[in-house]
């Protein structure tokens, strides 16, 4: 299975599309950063779904992003983690 999905639609539980949509938006932003070699790793659908589940369970979106994506990128070192935290902060503090 590839690490990304190119789709025009998404089927989910009625009324629960916003957490998934914000997870997809964040994952796409991180993928774009990986494409221009700012990051070593591009997030998978697994991380996007984990993010959406945390948000559905009343975790704040920024905190959920730091838990899921921050944890993944922390494995690549402090520089990668700082880049991801900067992207998360820029997305959620507008």
N, C-alpha and C. Protein backbone atom coordinates (compact mmCIF):
# COMPACT_ATOMS: atom_id res chain seq x y z
N UNK A 1 0.84 -1.18 0.00
CA UNK A 1 0.00 0.00 0.00
C UNK A 1 0.89 1.23 0.00
N UNK A 2 0.60 2.19 -0.85
CA UNK A 2 1.42 3.41 -0.90
C UNK A 2 1.22 4.25 0.35
N UNK A 3 2.14 5.18 0.56
CA UNK A 3 2.09 6.05 1.73
C UNK A 3 1.14 7.22 1.57
N UNK A 4 0.45 7.31 0.45
CA UNK A 4 -0.48 8.41 0.23
C UNK A 4 -1.70 7.90 -0.53
N UNK A 5 -2.75 8.66 -0.51
CA UNK A 5 -3.96 8.31 -1.23
C UNK A 5 -4.39 9.52 -2.02
N UNK A 6 -4.62 9.33 -3.31
CA UNK A 6 -5.12 10.40 -4.17
C UNK A 6 -6.60 10.13 -4.38
N UNK A 7 -7.46 10.93 -3.76
CA UNK A 7 -8.89 10.66 -3.82
C UNK A 7 -9.67 11.96 -3.97
N UNK A 8 -10.89 11.82 -4.48
CA UNK A 8 -11.76 12.98 -4.64
C UNK A 8 -12.87 13.00 -3.58
N UNK A 9 -12.92 11.98 -2.76
CA UNK A 9 -13.95 11.93 -1.74
C UNK A 9 -13.50 11.11 -0.56
N UNK A 10 -14.28 11.20 0.51
CA UNK A 10 -13.98 10.45 1.72
C UNK A 10 -15.30 10.05 2.36
N UNK A 11 -15.45 8.79 2.69
CA UNK A 11 -16.65 8.31 3.36
C UNK A 11 -16.34 8.11 4.84
N UNK A 12 -17.09 8.77 5.67
CA UNK A 12 -16.88 8.66 7.10
C UNK A 12 -18.20 8.74 7.83
N UNK A 13 -18.14 8.79 9.14
CA UNK A 13 -19.34 8.89 9.95
C UNK A 13 -19.92 10.29 9.81
N UNK A 14 -21.22 10.39 9.65
CA UNK A 14 -21.89 11.67 9.48
C UNK A 14 -21.57 12.62 10.64
N UNK A 15 -21.18 13.82 10.30
CA UNK A 15 -20.89 14.83 11.30
C UNK A 15 -19.48 14.77 11.86
N UNK A 16 -18.65 13.87 11.37
CA UNK A 16 -17.29 13.72 11.91
C UNK A 16 -16.23 14.05 10.87
N UNK A 17 -16.59 14.80 9.86
CA UNK A 17 -15.64 15.05 8.77
C UNK A 17 -14.59 16.11 9.10
N UNK A 18 -14.88 17.03 9.99
CA UNK A 18 -13.94 18.11 10.28
C UNK A 18 -12.61 17.62 10.85
N UNK A 19 -12.60 16.72 11.84
CA UNK A 19 -11.30 16.22 12.33
C UNK A 19 -10.48 15.53 11.24
N UNK A 20 -11.14 14.77 10.41
CA UNK A 20 -10.43 14.09 9.32
C UNK A 20 -9.90 15.12 8.33
N UNK A 21 -10.71 16.12 8.02
CA UNK A 21 -10.28 17.15 7.06
C UNK A 21 -9.09 17.94 7.58
N UNK A 22 -9.10 18.30 8.86
CA UNK A 22 -7.96 19.05 9.40
C UNK A 22 -6.71 18.17 9.46
N UNK A 23 -6.90 16.88 9.75
CA UNK A 23 -5.77 15.95 9.74
C UNK A 23 -5.17 15.82 8.35
N UNK A 24 -6.02 15.75 7.35
CA UNK A 24 -5.56 15.66 5.97
C UNK A 24 -4.83 16.94 5.57
N UNK A 25 -5.37 18.08 5.97
CA UNK A 25 -4.72 19.36 5.65
C UNK A 25 -3.32 19.43 6.26
N UNK A 26 -3.21 19.04 7.53
CA UNK A 26 -1.91 19.07 8.20
C UNK A 26 -0.95 18.07 7.55
N UNK A 27 -1.43 16.87 7.27
CA UNK A 27 -0.57 15.87 6.63
C UNK A 27 -0.10 16.33 5.26
N UNK A 28 -0.98 16.98 4.50
CA UNK A 28 -0.58 17.48 3.18
C UNK A 28 0.46 18.58 3.30
N UNK A 29 0.33 19.43 4.30
CA UNK A 29 1.33 20.47 4.53
C UNK A 29 2.69 19.85 4.84
N UNK A 30 2.69 18.83 5.69
CA UNK A 30 3.94 18.15 6.03
C UNK A 30 4.50 17.40 4.83
N UNK A 31 3.61 16.84 4.00
CA UNK A 31 4.07 16.16 2.77
C UNK A 31 4.73 17.15 1.81
N UNK A 32 4.15 18.33 1.68
CA UNK A 32 4.73 19.35 0.81
C UNK A 32 6.10 19.76 1.32
N UNK A 33 6.26 19.87 2.63
CA UNK A 33 7.56 20.20 3.20
C UNK A 33 8.56 19.09 2.93
N UNK A 34 8.09 17.83 2.99
CA UNK A 34 8.97 16.70 2.70
C UNK A 34 9.36 16.69 1.22
N UNK A 35 8.44 17.13 0.35
CA UNK A 35 8.71 17.12 -1.09
C UNK A 35 9.83 18.09 -1.47
N UNK A 36 9.96 19.17 -0.73
CA UNK A 36 11.02 20.13 -1.03
C UNK A 36 12.23 19.92 -0.12
N UNK A 37 12.27 18.74 0.48
CA UNK A 37 13.41 18.30 1.30
C UNK A 37 13.61 19.11 2.57
N UNK A 38 12.55 19.70 3.07
CA UNK A 38 12.64 20.35 4.37
C UNK A 38 12.52 19.32 5.48
N UNK A 39 11.85 18.20 5.18
CA UNK A 39 11.65 17.13 6.15
C UNK A 39 12.09 15.81 5.52
N UNK A 40 12.52 14.87 6.37
CA UNK A 40 12.97 13.58 5.87
C UNK A 40 11.84 12.56 5.71
N UNK A 41 10.69 12.82 6.30
CA UNK A 41 9.63 11.83 6.33
C UNK A 41 8.31 12.48 5.97
N UNK A 42 7.51 11.79 5.18
CA UNK A 42 6.19 12.27 4.83
C UNK A 42 5.15 11.47 5.61
N UNK A 43 4.22 12.11 6.28
CA UNK A 43 3.28 11.38 7.13
C UNK A 43 2.37 10.44 6.32
N UNK A 44 1.99 9.35 6.95
CA UNK A 44 1.15 8.36 6.30
C UNK A 44 -0.31 8.57 6.68
N UNK A 45 -1.16 7.81 6.05
CA UNK A 45 -2.58 7.86 6.36
C UNK A 45 -2.83 7.41 7.80
N UNK A 46 -1.99 6.53 8.31
CA UNK A 46 -2.11 6.05 9.69
C UNK A 46 -2.03 7.21 10.67
N UNK A 47 -1.06 8.11 10.48
CA UNK A 47 -0.94 9.26 11.38
C UNK A 47 -2.13 10.20 11.24
N UNK A 48 -2.62 10.37 10.02
CA UNK A 48 -3.77 11.25 9.79
C UNK A 48 -5.00 10.72 10.51
N UNK A 49 -5.21 9.41 10.45
CA UNK A 49 -6.35 8.81 11.13
C UNK A 49 -6.19 8.90 12.65
N UNK A 50 -4.98 8.68 13.15
CA UNK A 50 -4.73 8.80 14.60
C UNK A 50 -5.04 10.21 15.07
N UNK A 51 -4.63 11.21 14.29
CA UNK A 51 -4.91 12.61 14.62
C UNK A 51 -6.43 12.83 14.69
N UNK A 52 -7.15 12.36 13.67
CA UNK A 52 -8.60 12.55 13.62
C UNK A 52 -9.28 11.89 14.82
N UNK A 53 -8.82 10.72 15.21
CA UNK A 53 -9.43 10.04 16.36
C UNK A 53 -9.19 10.81 17.65
N UNK A 54 -8.01 11.37 17.82
CA UNK A 54 -7.75 12.18 19.01
C UNK A 54 -8.66 13.41 19.06
N UNK A 55 -8.83 14.07 17.91
CA UNK A 55 -9.68 15.26 17.86
C UNK A 55 -11.14 14.88 18.12
N UNK A 56 -11.58 13.75 17.58
CA UNK A 56 -12.95 13.30 17.83
C UNK A 56 -13.16 12.99 19.31
N UNK A 57 -12.10 12.62 20.01
CA UNK A 57 -12.20 12.33 21.45
C UNK A 57 -11.90 13.55 22.31
N UNK A 58 -12.15 14.73 21.75
CA UNK A 58 -12.08 16.00 22.47
C UNK A 58 -10.68 16.51 22.79
N UNK A 59 -9.64 16.00 22.13
CA UNK A 59 -8.30 16.57 22.29
C UNK A 59 -8.23 17.81 21.41
N UNK A 60 -7.61 18.87 21.90
CA UNK A 60 -7.47 20.09 21.10
C UNK A 60 -6.65 19.77 19.84
N UNK A 61 -7.03 20.34 18.68
CA UNK A 61 -6.34 20.02 17.42
C UNK A 61 -4.82 20.23 17.46
N UNK A 62 -4.37 21.34 18.03
CA UNK A 62 -2.93 21.59 18.08
C UNK A 62 -2.23 20.55 18.94
N UNK A 63 -2.82 20.21 20.08
CA UNK A 63 -2.24 19.21 20.96
C UNK A 63 -2.22 17.84 20.30
N UNK A 64 -3.30 17.49 19.59
CA UNK A 64 -3.35 16.21 18.86
C UNK A 64 -2.26 16.16 17.79
N UNK A 65 -2.06 17.26 17.10
CA UNK A 65 -1.02 17.31 16.07
C UNK A 65 0.36 17.12 16.67
N UNK A 66 0.59 17.75 17.81
CA UNK A 66 1.89 17.60 18.46
C UNK A 66 2.10 16.18 18.98
N UNK A 67 1.04 15.56 19.46
CA UNK A 67 1.15 14.18 19.95
C UNK A 67 1.47 13.24 18.81
N UNK A 68 0.69 13.29 17.76
CA UNK A 68 0.83 12.32 16.66
C UNK A 68 2.04 12.64 15.79
N UNK A 69 2.04 13.81 15.17
CA UNK A 69 3.09 14.12 14.22
C UNK A 69 4.41 14.43 14.92
N UNK A 70 4.34 15.10 16.07
CA UNK A 70 5.55 15.37 16.83
C UNK A 70 6.25 14.09 17.26
N UNK A 71 5.48 13.11 17.69
CA UNK A 71 6.04 11.83 18.10
C UNK A 71 6.75 11.14 16.94
N UNK A 72 6.14 11.18 15.78
CA UNK A 72 6.74 10.55 14.60
C UNK A 72 8.04 11.25 14.23
N UNK A 73 8.01 12.56 14.18
CA UNK A 73 9.20 13.30 13.74
C UNK A 73 10.29 13.37 14.81
N UNK A 74 9.93 13.18 16.07
CA UNK A 74 10.94 13.16 17.13
C UNK A 74 11.94 12.03 16.91
N UNK A 75 11.51 10.97 16.25
CA UNK A 75 12.39 9.85 15.96
C UNK A 75 13.50 10.23 14.99
N UNK A 76 13.29 11.29 14.22
CA UNK A 76 14.28 11.73 13.24
C UNK A 76 15.25 12.74 13.81
N UNK A 77 15.02 13.18 15.04
CA UNK A 77 15.95 14.11 15.68
C UNK A 77 15.30 15.45 16.02
N UNK A 78 16.04 16.25 16.77
CA UNK A 78 15.51 17.52 17.26
C UNK A 78 15.26 18.54 16.16
N UNK A 79 16.08 18.54 15.13
CA UNK A 79 15.89 19.51 14.05
C UNK A 79 14.57 19.23 13.32
N UNK A 80 14.32 17.95 13.00
CA UNK A 80 13.06 17.59 12.34
C UNK A 80 11.86 17.92 13.23
N UNK A 81 11.99 17.61 14.51
CA UNK A 81 10.90 17.89 15.45
C UNK A 81 10.62 19.38 15.52
N UNK A 82 11.64 20.20 15.53
CA UNK A 82 11.45 21.65 15.58
C UNK A 82 10.78 22.17 14.31
N UNK A 83 11.17 21.63 13.16
CA UNK A 83 10.53 22.03 11.89
C UNK A 83 9.04 21.71 11.91
N UNK A 84 8.70 20.51 12.38
CA UNK A 84 7.30 20.11 12.43
C UNK A 84 6.53 20.95 13.44
N UNK A 85 7.11 21.20 14.60
CA UNK A 85 6.44 22.05 15.58
C UNK A 85 6.21 23.45 15.05
N UNK A 86 7.14 23.97 14.26
CA UNK A 86 6.95 25.29 13.64
C UNK A 86 5.79 25.28 12.65
N UNK A 87 5.69 24.19 11.87
CA UNK A 87 4.59 24.08 10.90
C UNK A 87 3.26 23.97 11.64
N UNK A 88 3.21 23.16 12.69
CA UNK A 88 1.98 23.00 13.48
C UNK A 88 1.59 24.33 14.11
N UNK A 89 2.53 25.04 14.68
CA UNK A 89 2.24 26.33 15.31
C UNK A 89 1.72 27.32 14.27
N UNK A 90 2.32 27.35 13.09
CA UNK A 90 1.86 28.30 12.07
C UNK A 90 0.46 27.97 11.58
N UNK A 91 0.09 26.69 11.59
CA UNK A 91 -1.25 26.31 11.13
C UNK A 91 -2.34 26.62 12.16
N UNK A 92 -2.03 26.50 13.43
CA UNK A 92 -3.06 26.62 14.45
C UNK A 92 -3.06 27.95 15.18
N UNK A 93 -2.20 28.87 14.83
CA UNK A 93 -2.21 30.17 15.48
C UNK A 93 -2.45 31.28 14.49
N UNK A 94 -3.48 31.09 13.69
CA UNK A 94 -3.86 32.10 12.70
C UNK A 94 -5.06 32.86 13.17
